Amino acid sequence: MKKAIIACLSLLWAVSAFAQDTTAKGTVFTQGTLKELLAQAGKQEKYLFVDIYAVWCGPCRYMATKIFPQPKVGDYFNKTFVNAKFDAEKGEGIAVARKYDVRSYPTFLILDEKGEEVGRVVGAADADRFIATVQKVVAAIGKEE
C-alpha cells in the first residue's frame, strides 16, 4: 500500500511538472540571420528589435537576466516587434555591430523591414523606464501597436 501511495504521488508530481504553463512569459528572441529576421518582421508588419550585446558587459547581463524575462516587458516587446539578439563579438553579430556603428553595449536597434535603422536606445534601464523609452522611439517613427 505504501508503495502504491508513493507511486501515485510521484506520478502526480511528474504530471504537474509537465503540465505547468510553458508559454513564454518574457521577451522571446528569435534565432536567425539578420536577413531572415528582417523578412520575418516584414511578414508580420513589425519592426525588428535587435539587442546588440557583449558577454562581458554587466548592463547587458542585467537586461538579459532581470529585464527581458519580465512578463510586462515580454508583453510589450513580443506584441510590437520581432526580437533578436546578436553578440557583437561573435558570428554575424560582428558584422551587424559594424554595419550599425555600435560603439557601446548594450545597444538596442529598431530596424524596418529593409534593415534601415529607425530608432536606437543605448544602455540599460529598469523595466518601466526601458519600455517607456522604446515606446517614445516607436511613437516618434509612427508605428505604435
N, C-alpha and C. Protein backbone atom coordinates (compact mmCIF):
# COMPACT_ATOMS: atom_id res chain seq x y z
N MET A 1 0.82 -1.19 0.00
CA MET A 1 0.00 0.00 0.00
C MET A 1 0.86 1.25 0.00
N LYS A 2 1.92 1.23 0.80
CA LYS A 2 2.82 2.37 0.90
C LYS A 2 3.47 2.66 -0.45
N LYS A 3 3.86 1.60 -1.15
CA LYS A 3 4.48 1.75 -2.46
C LYS A 3 3.48 2.34 -3.46
N ALA A 4 2.23 1.94 -3.37
CA ALA A 4 1.20 2.47 -4.28
C ALA A 4 0.99 3.96 -4.05
N ILE A 5 0.96 4.37 -2.79
CA ILE A 5 0.79 5.80 -2.48
C ILE A 5 1.98 6.60 -2.99
N ILE A 6 3.17 6.10 -2.77
CA ILE A 6 4.37 6.78 -3.24
C ILE A 6 4.36 6.86 -4.76
N ALA A 7 3.96 5.77 -5.41
CA ALA A 7 3.89 5.77 -6.88
C ALA A 7 2.88 6.79 -7.37
N CYS A 8 1.72 6.85 -6.73
CA CYS A 8 0.69 7.83 -7.13
C CYS A 8 1.17 9.25 -6.93
N LEU A 9 1.79 9.51 -5.79
CA LEU A 9 2.29 10.86 -5.53
C LEU A 9 3.39 11.24 -6.52
N SER A 10 4.24 10.30 -6.84
CA SER A 10 5.29 10.55 -7.83
C SER A 10 4.69 10.86 -9.19
N LEU A 11 3.67 10.10 -9.55
CA LEU A 11 3.00 10.32 -10.84
C LEU A 11 2.35 11.70 -10.87
N LEU A 12 1.64 12.06 -9.79
CA LEU A 12 1.00 13.38 -9.72
C LEU A 12 2.03 14.50 -9.81
N TRP A 13 3.15 14.34 -9.13
CA TRP A 13 4.20 15.34 -9.17
C TRP A 13 4.75 15.48 -10.59
N ALA A 14 4.99 14.36 -11.26
CA ALA A 14 5.51 14.39 -12.63
C ALA A 14 4.53 15.05 -13.59
N VAL A 15 3.26 14.71 -13.47
CA VAL A 15 2.23 15.30 -14.33
C VAL A 15 2.14 16.80 -14.10
N SER A 16 2.16 17.21 -12.84
CA SER A 16 2.05 18.65 -12.56
C SER A 16 3.27 19.41 -13.06
N ALA A 17 4.44 18.78 -13.01
CA ALA A 17 5.65 19.44 -13.50
C ALA A 17 5.56 19.67 -15.01
N PHE A 18 5.04 18.69 -15.74
CA PHE A 18 4.92 18.83 -17.19
C PHE A 18 3.72 19.67 -17.60
N ALA A 19 2.72 19.77 -16.75
CA ALA A 19 1.51 20.50 -17.09
C ALA A 19 1.62 21.99 -16.81
N GLN A 20 2.73 22.43 -16.21
CA GLN A 20 2.88 23.85 -15.95
C GLN A 20 2.89 24.62 -17.25
N ASP A 21 2.46 25.88 -17.15
CA ASP A 21 2.40 26.75 -18.32
C ASP A 21 3.81 26.94 -18.87
N THR A 22 4.04 26.49 -20.09
CA THR A 22 5.36 26.60 -20.70
C THR A 22 5.41 27.72 -21.74
N THR A 23 4.37 28.52 -21.85
CA THR A 23 4.40 29.62 -22.79
C THR A 23 5.40 30.66 -22.29
N ALA A 24 5.96 31.37 -23.22
CA ALA A 24 6.96 32.37 -22.87
C ALA A 24 6.32 33.49 -22.05
N LYS A 25 6.93 33.83 -20.97
CA LYS A 25 6.42 34.89 -20.12
C LYS A 25 7.19 36.18 -20.35
N GLY A 26 8.40 36.08 -20.76
CA GLY A 26 9.22 37.25 -21.01
C GLY A 26 9.38 37.48 -22.51
N THR A 27 10.38 38.26 -22.83
CA THR A 27 10.65 38.60 -24.22
C THR A 27 11.16 37.37 -24.96
N VAL A 28 10.59 37.10 -26.12
CA VAL A 28 11.00 35.98 -26.96
C VAL A 28 11.96 36.52 -28.01
N PHE A 29 13.18 35.99 -28.01
CA PHE A 29 14.18 36.37 -29.01
C PHE A 29 14.25 35.28 -30.06
N THR A 30 14.03 35.67 -31.30
CA THR A 30 14.00 34.75 -32.42
C THR A 30 15.42 34.54 -32.95
N GLN A 31 15.74 33.29 -33.26
CA GLN A 31 17.04 32.95 -33.83
C GLN A 31 16.99 33.12 -35.34
N GLY A 32 18.10 33.45 -35.93
CA GLY A 32 18.19 33.52 -37.39
C GLY A 32 19.21 34.55 -37.82
N THR A 33 19.42 34.59 -39.13
CA THR A 33 20.31 35.61 -39.66
C THR A 33 19.56 36.94 -39.70
N LEU A 34 20.31 38.00 -39.83
CA LEU A 34 19.67 39.31 -39.90
C LEU A 34 18.70 39.35 -41.07
N LYS A 35 19.09 38.81 -42.19
CA LYS A 35 18.22 38.79 -43.37
C LYS A 35 16.92 38.03 -43.10
N GLU A 36 17.02 36.86 -42.47
CA GLU A 36 15.83 36.07 -42.14
C GLU A 36 14.93 36.80 -41.15
N LEU A 37 15.53 37.43 -40.16
CA LEU A 37 14.76 38.14 -39.14
C LEU A 37 14.05 39.36 -39.73
N LEU A 38 14.71 40.07 -40.63
CA LEU A 38 14.09 41.21 -41.30
C LEU A 38 12.90 40.75 -42.14
N ALA A 39 13.06 39.63 -42.83
CA ALA A 39 11.96 39.09 -43.64
C ALA A 39 10.78 38.70 -42.75
N GLN A 40 11.07 38.08 -41.62
CA GLN A 40 10.00 37.69 -40.69
C GLN A 40 9.29 38.92 -40.15
N ALA A 41 10.04 39.94 -39.79
CA ALA A 41 9.43 41.18 -39.29
C ALA A 41 8.55 41.81 -40.37
N GLY A 42 9.02 41.80 -41.61
CA GLY A 42 8.22 42.35 -42.70
C GLY A 42 6.92 41.59 -42.90
N LYS A 43 6.98 40.28 -42.85
CA LYS A 43 5.77 39.46 -43.00
C LYS A 43 4.76 39.75 -41.89
N GLN A 44 5.26 40.01 -40.69
CA GLN A 44 4.38 40.26 -39.55
C GLN A 44 4.01 41.74 -39.43
N GLU A 45 4.53 42.56 -40.35
CA GLU A 45 4.30 44.00 -40.32
C GLU A 45 4.71 44.60 -38.98
N LYS A 46 5.91 44.22 -38.55
CA LYS A 46 6.50 44.71 -37.31
C LYS A 46 7.91 45.21 -37.61
N TYR A 47 8.43 45.98 -36.68
CA TYR A 47 9.84 46.32 -36.72
C TYR A 47 10.64 45.17 -36.12
N LEU A 48 11.93 45.15 -36.44
CA LEU A 48 12.85 44.21 -35.83
C LEU A 48 13.57 44.94 -34.70
N PHE A 49 13.46 44.43 -33.49
CA PHE A 49 14.15 44.95 -32.33
C PHE A 49 15.40 44.10 -32.14
N VAL A 50 16.57 44.73 -32.13
CA VAL A 50 17.82 43.98 -32.05
C VAL A 50 18.61 44.42 -30.82
N ASP A 51 18.92 43.47 -29.98
CA ASP A 51 19.77 43.67 -28.82
C ASP A 51 21.20 43.32 -29.24
N ILE A 52 22.07 44.35 -29.28
CA ILE A 52 23.49 44.12 -29.58
C ILE A 52 24.21 44.13 -28.23
N TYR A 53 24.83 43.02 -27.88
CA TYR A 53 25.43 42.87 -26.56
C TYR A 53 26.81 42.26 -26.65
N ALA A 54 27.50 42.26 -25.52
CA ALA A 54 28.77 41.55 -25.38
C ALA A 54 28.68 40.72 -24.09
N VAL A 55 29.25 39.53 -24.10
CA VAL A 55 29.10 38.64 -22.95
C VAL A 55 29.75 39.19 -21.68
N TRP A 56 30.76 40.02 -21.79
CA TRP A 56 31.46 40.57 -20.63
C TRP A 56 30.76 41.82 -20.07
N CYS A 57 29.72 42.30 -20.74
CA CYS A 57 29.06 43.56 -20.40
C CYS A 57 28.05 43.36 -19.27
N GLY A 58 28.31 43.99 -18.12
CA GLY A 58 27.42 43.89 -16.97
C GLY A 58 26.01 44.39 -17.25
N PRO A 59 25.85 45.60 -17.83
CA PRO A 59 24.50 46.08 -18.14
C PRO A 59 23.76 45.17 -19.13
N CYS A 60 24.51 44.54 -20.03
CA CYS A 60 23.89 43.59 -20.99
C CYS A 60 23.32 42.39 -20.23
N ARG A 61 24.10 41.86 -19.30
CA ARG A 61 23.65 40.72 -18.49
C ARG A 61 22.45 41.10 -17.65
N TYR A 62 22.46 42.33 -17.10
CA TYR A 62 21.33 42.81 -16.31
C TYR A 62 20.06 42.82 -17.17
N MET A 63 20.14 43.34 -18.36
CA MET A 63 18.97 43.37 -19.24
C MET A 63 18.51 41.96 -19.57
N ALA A 64 19.47 41.07 -19.87
CA ALA A 64 19.13 39.70 -20.26
C ALA A 64 18.53 38.89 -19.13
N THR A 65 19.00 39.10 -17.90
CA THR A 65 18.55 38.26 -16.78
C THR A 65 17.45 38.89 -15.93
N LYS A 66 17.39 40.20 -15.88
CA LYS A 66 16.43 40.87 -14.98
C LYS A 66 15.30 41.60 -15.69
N ILE A 67 15.54 42.10 -16.89
CA ILE A 67 14.55 42.94 -17.56
C ILE A 67 13.77 42.17 -18.62
N PHE A 68 14.44 41.58 -19.59
CA PHE A 68 13.74 40.90 -20.68
C PHE A 68 12.88 39.71 -20.22
N PRO A 69 13.23 39.00 -19.15
CA PRO A 69 12.36 37.90 -18.71
C PRO A 69 11.05 38.35 -18.04
N GLN A 70 10.91 39.60 -17.70
CA GLN A 70 9.71 40.06 -17.01
C GLN A 70 8.48 40.00 -17.93
N PRO A 71 7.36 39.53 -17.41
CA PRO A 71 6.15 39.43 -18.23
C PRO A 71 5.71 40.75 -18.87
N LYS A 72 5.78 41.85 -18.15
CA LYS A 72 5.33 43.12 -18.73
C LYS A 72 6.25 43.57 -19.87
N VAL A 73 7.52 43.23 -19.77
CA VAL A 73 8.46 43.56 -20.86
C VAL A 73 8.15 42.67 -22.06
N GLY A 74 7.98 41.38 -21.80
CA GLY A 74 7.64 40.45 -22.88
C GLY A 74 6.33 40.81 -23.54
N ASP A 75 5.33 41.20 -22.76
CA ASP A 75 4.04 41.58 -23.34
C ASP A 75 4.21 42.69 -24.38
N TYR A 76 4.96 43.71 -24.03
CA TYR A 76 5.15 44.84 -24.96
C TYR A 76 6.02 44.44 -26.15
N PHE A 77 7.18 43.87 -25.88
CA PHE A 77 8.13 43.60 -26.97
C PHE A 77 7.64 42.50 -27.91
N ASN A 78 7.01 41.46 -27.39
CA ASN A 78 6.52 40.38 -28.25
C ASN A 78 5.37 40.84 -29.13
N LYS A 79 4.57 41.76 -28.63
CA LYS A 79 3.44 42.29 -29.41
C LYS A 79 3.91 43.27 -30.48
N THR A 80 4.93 44.04 -30.16
CA THR A 80 5.33 45.16 -31.01
C THR A 80 6.41 44.80 -32.03
N PHE A 81 7.28 43.87 -31.70
CA PHE A 81 8.46 43.59 -32.52
C PHE A 81 8.65 42.10 -32.78
N VAL A 82 9.48 41.81 -33.77
CA VAL A 82 10.20 40.55 -33.84
C VAL A 82 11.50 40.89 -33.12
N ASN A 83 11.86 40.12 -32.12
CA ASN A 83 13.02 40.42 -31.28
C ASN A 83 14.18 39.50 -31.61
N ALA A 84 15.37 40.09 -31.64
CA ALA A 84 16.58 39.32 -31.93
C ALA A 84 17.71 39.84 -31.08
N LYS A 85 18.73 39.03 -30.93
CA LYS A 85 19.92 39.50 -30.23
C LYS A 85 21.15 38.95 -30.93
N PHE A 86 22.19 39.77 -30.93
CA PHE A 86 23.45 39.39 -31.55
C PHE A 86 24.59 39.74 -30.60
N ASP A 87 25.50 38.79 -30.42
CA ASP A 87 26.72 39.02 -29.68
C ASP A 87 27.65 39.79 -30.62
N ALA A 88 28.02 41.00 -30.24
CA ALA A 88 28.82 41.86 -31.10
C ALA A 88 30.24 41.36 -31.34
N GLU A 89 30.61 40.30 -30.65
CA GLU A 89 31.97 39.79 -30.78
C GLU A 89 32.05 38.38 -31.34
N LYS A 90 30.89 37.88 -31.84
CA LYS A 90 30.87 36.52 -32.39
C LYS A 90 29.98 36.45 -33.62
N GLY A 91 30.33 35.56 -34.53
CA GLY A 91 29.50 35.26 -35.69
C GLY A 91 29.01 36.49 -36.43
N GLU A 92 27.76 36.43 -36.86
CA GLU A 92 27.18 37.53 -37.61
C GLU A 92 27.07 38.81 -36.79
N GLY A 93 27.08 38.67 -35.47
CA GLY A 93 26.99 39.84 -34.60
C GLY A 93 28.09 40.85 -34.86
N ILE A 94 29.27 40.39 -35.23
CA ILE A 94 30.38 41.30 -35.53
C ILE A 94 30.01 42.22 -36.69
N ALA A 95 29.48 41.64 -37.77
CA ALA A 95 29.10 42.43 -38.94
C ALA A 95 27.90 43.33 -38.64
N VAL A 96 26.96 42.84 -37.85
CA VAL A 96 25.78 43.64 -37.51
C VAL A 96 26.21 44.86 -36.69
N ALA A 97 27.06 44.66 -35.70
CA ALA A 97 27.54 45.77 -34.87
C ALA A 97 28.31 46.78 -35.72
N ARG A 98 29.10 46.30 -36.64
CA ARG A 98 29.88 47.18 -37.52
C ARG A 98 28.95 47.95 -38.46
N LYS A 99 28.00 47.24 -39.06
CA LYS A 99 27.08 47.88 -40.02
C LYS A 99 26.31 49.03 -39.38
N TYR A 100 25.89 48.86 -38.14
CA TYR A 100 25.08 49.87 -37.46
C TYR A 100 25.91 50.75 -36.52
N ASP A 101 27.23 50.68 -36.67
CA ASP A 101 28.15 51.54 -35.93
C ASP A 101 27.87 51.52 -34.43
N VAL A 102 27.77 50.32 -33.89
CA VAL A 102 27.55 50.16 -32.45
C VAL A 102 28.87 50.41 -31.73
N ARG A 103 28.83 51.36 -30.78
CA ARG A 103 30.04 51.75 -30.08
C ARG A 103 30.00 51.47 -28.58
N SER A 104 28.83 51.13 -28.05
CA SER A 104 28.73 50.79 -26.63
C SER A 104 27.63 49.75 -26.45
N TYR A 105 27.70 49.09 -25.30
CA TYR A 105 26.79 47.98 -25.03
C TYR A 105 26.03 48.23 -23.73
N PRO A 106 24.81 47.81 -23.65
CA PRO A 106 24.01 47.28 -24.75
C PRO A 106 23.50 48.41 -25.65
N THR A 107 23.37 48.10 -26.91
CA THR A 107 22.72 48.99 -27.87
C THR A 107 21.54 48.23 -28.44
N PHE A 108 20.39 48.89 -28.45
CA PHE A 108 19.16 48.30 -28.95
C PHE A 108 18.75 49.04 -30.21
N LEU A 109 18.63 48.31 -31.30
CA LEU A 109 18.28 48.91 -32.58
C LEU A 109 16.84 48.57 -32.94
N ILE A 110 16.18 49.49 -33.60
CA ILE A 110 14.86 49.23 -34.18
C ILE A 110 15.04 49.41 -35.67
N LEU A 111 14.80 48.32 -36.40
CA LEU A 111 15.04 48.30 -37.84
C LEU A 111 13.75 48.07 -38.59
N ASP A 112 13.63 48.73 -39.75
CA ASP A 112 12.47 48.45 -40.60
C ASP A 112 12.77 47.21 -41.43
N GLU A 113 11.81 46.78 -42.24
CA GLU A 113 11.98 45.53 -42.98
C GLU A 113 13.11 45.56 -44.00
N LYS A 114 13.58 46.75 -44.36
CA LYS A 114 14.71 46.87 -45.29
C LYS A 114 16.04 46.86 -44.56
N GLY A 115 15.98 46.83 -43.23
CA GLY A 115 17.20 46.83 -42.45
C GLY A 115 17.69 48.23 -42.12
N GLU A 116 16.87 49.23 -42.39
CA GLU A 116 17.26 50.60 -42.08
C GLU A 116 16.95 50.89 -40.62
N GLU A 117 17.90 51.53 -39.97
CA GLU A 117 17.70 51.89 -38.57
C GLU A 117 16.71 53.04 -38.47
N VAL A 118 15.65 52.80 -37.69
CA VAL A 118 14.64 53.84 -37.47
C VAL A 118 14.63 54.30 -36.02
N GLY A 119 15.37 53.61 -35.17
CA GLY A 119 15.46 54.01 -33.78
C GLY A 119 16.60 53.29 -33.08
N ARG A 120 17.06 53.91 -31.98
CA ARG A 120 18.18 53.34 -31.22
C ARG A 120 18.03 53.76 -29.76
N VAL A 121 18.29 52.81 -28.87
CA VAL A 121 18.35 53.07 -27.44
C VAL A 121 19.66 52.47 -26.96
N VAL A 122 20.40 53.24 -26.17
CA VAL A 122 21.69 52.78 -25.67
C VAL A 122 21.64 52.73 -24.15
N GLY A 123 22.09 51.62 -23.59
CA GLY A 123 22.20 51.49 -22.15
C GLY A 123 21.07 50.72 -21.52
N ALA A 124 21.30 50.33 -20.29
CA ALA A 124 20.34 49.54 -19.53
C ALA A 124 19.41 50.47 -18.75
N ALA A 125 18.26 49.95 -18.39
CA ALA A 125 17.29 50.68 -17.57
C ALA A 125 16.37 49.69 -16.89
N ASP A 126 15.65 50.16 -15.87
CA ASP A 126 14.65 49.29 -15.25
C ASP A 126 13.52 49.07 -16.25
N ALA A 127 12.68 48.10 -15.98
CA ALA A 127 11.66 47.67 -16.95
C ALA A 127 10.73 48.81 -17.38
N ASP A 128 10.18 49.54 -16.43
CA ASP A 128 9.23 50.59 -16.78
C ASP A 128 9.88 51.69 -17.62
N ARG A 129 11.06 52.10 -17.21
CA ARG A 129 11.75 53.16 -17.96
C ARG A 129 12.16 52.68 -19.35
N PHE A 130 12.60 51.42 -19.43
CA PHE A 130 13.02 50.88 -20.73
C PHE A 130 11.82 50.80 -21.68
N ILE A 131 10.71 50.27 -21.22
CA ILE A 131 9.51 50.20 -22.06
C ILE A 131 9.10 51.60 -22.49
N ALA A 132 9.06 52.55 -21.57
CA ALA A 132 8.65 53.93 -21.89
C ALA A 132 9.58 54.55 -22.92
N THR A 133 10.87 54.33 -22.79
CA THR A 133 11.83 54.88 -23.75
C THR A 133 11.61 54.30 -25.14
N VAL A 134 11.44 53.00 -25.22
CA VAL A 134 11.22 52.36 -26.52
C VAL A 134 9.88 52.79 -27.10
N GLN A 135 8.85 52.93 -26.27
CA GLN A 135 7.55 53.40 -26.75
C GLN A 135 7.67 54.80 -27.36
N LYS A 136 8.46 55.67 -26.75
CA LYS A 136 8.67 57.02 -27.29
C LYS A 136 9.35 56.95 -28.66
N VAL A 137 10.33 56.09 -28.79
CA VAL A 137 11.03 55.94 -30.07
C VAL A 137 10.05 55.44 -31.13
N VAL A 138 9.27 54.44 -30.79
CA VAL A 138 8.31 53.88 -31.75
C VAL A 138 7.23 54.92 -32.11
N ALA A 139 6.76 55.66 -31.13
CA ALA A 139 5.75 56.69 -31.39
C ALA A 139 6.32 57.77 -32.31
N ALA A 140 7.58 58.10 -32.13
CA ALA A 140 8.21 59.13 -32.96
C ALA A 140 8.34 58.68 -34.42
N ILE A 141 8.43 57.40 -34.64
CA ILE A 141 8.51 56.90 -36.03
C ILE A 141 7.14 56.49 -36.56
N GLY A 142 6.12 56.61 -35.71
CA GLY A 142 4.75 56.48 -36.17
C GLY A 142 4.18 55.10 -36.37
N LYS A 143 4.64 54.12 -35.59
CA LYS A 143 4.09 52.77 -35.77
C LYS A 143 3.85 52.10 -34.43
N GLU A 144 3.21 52.76 -33.51
CA GLU A 144 2.88 52.16 -32.22
C GLU A 144 1.74 51.19 -32.43
N GLU A 145 1.85 50.02 -31.82
CA GLU A 145 0.82 49.00 -31.93
C GLU A 145 -0.34 49.35 -31.04
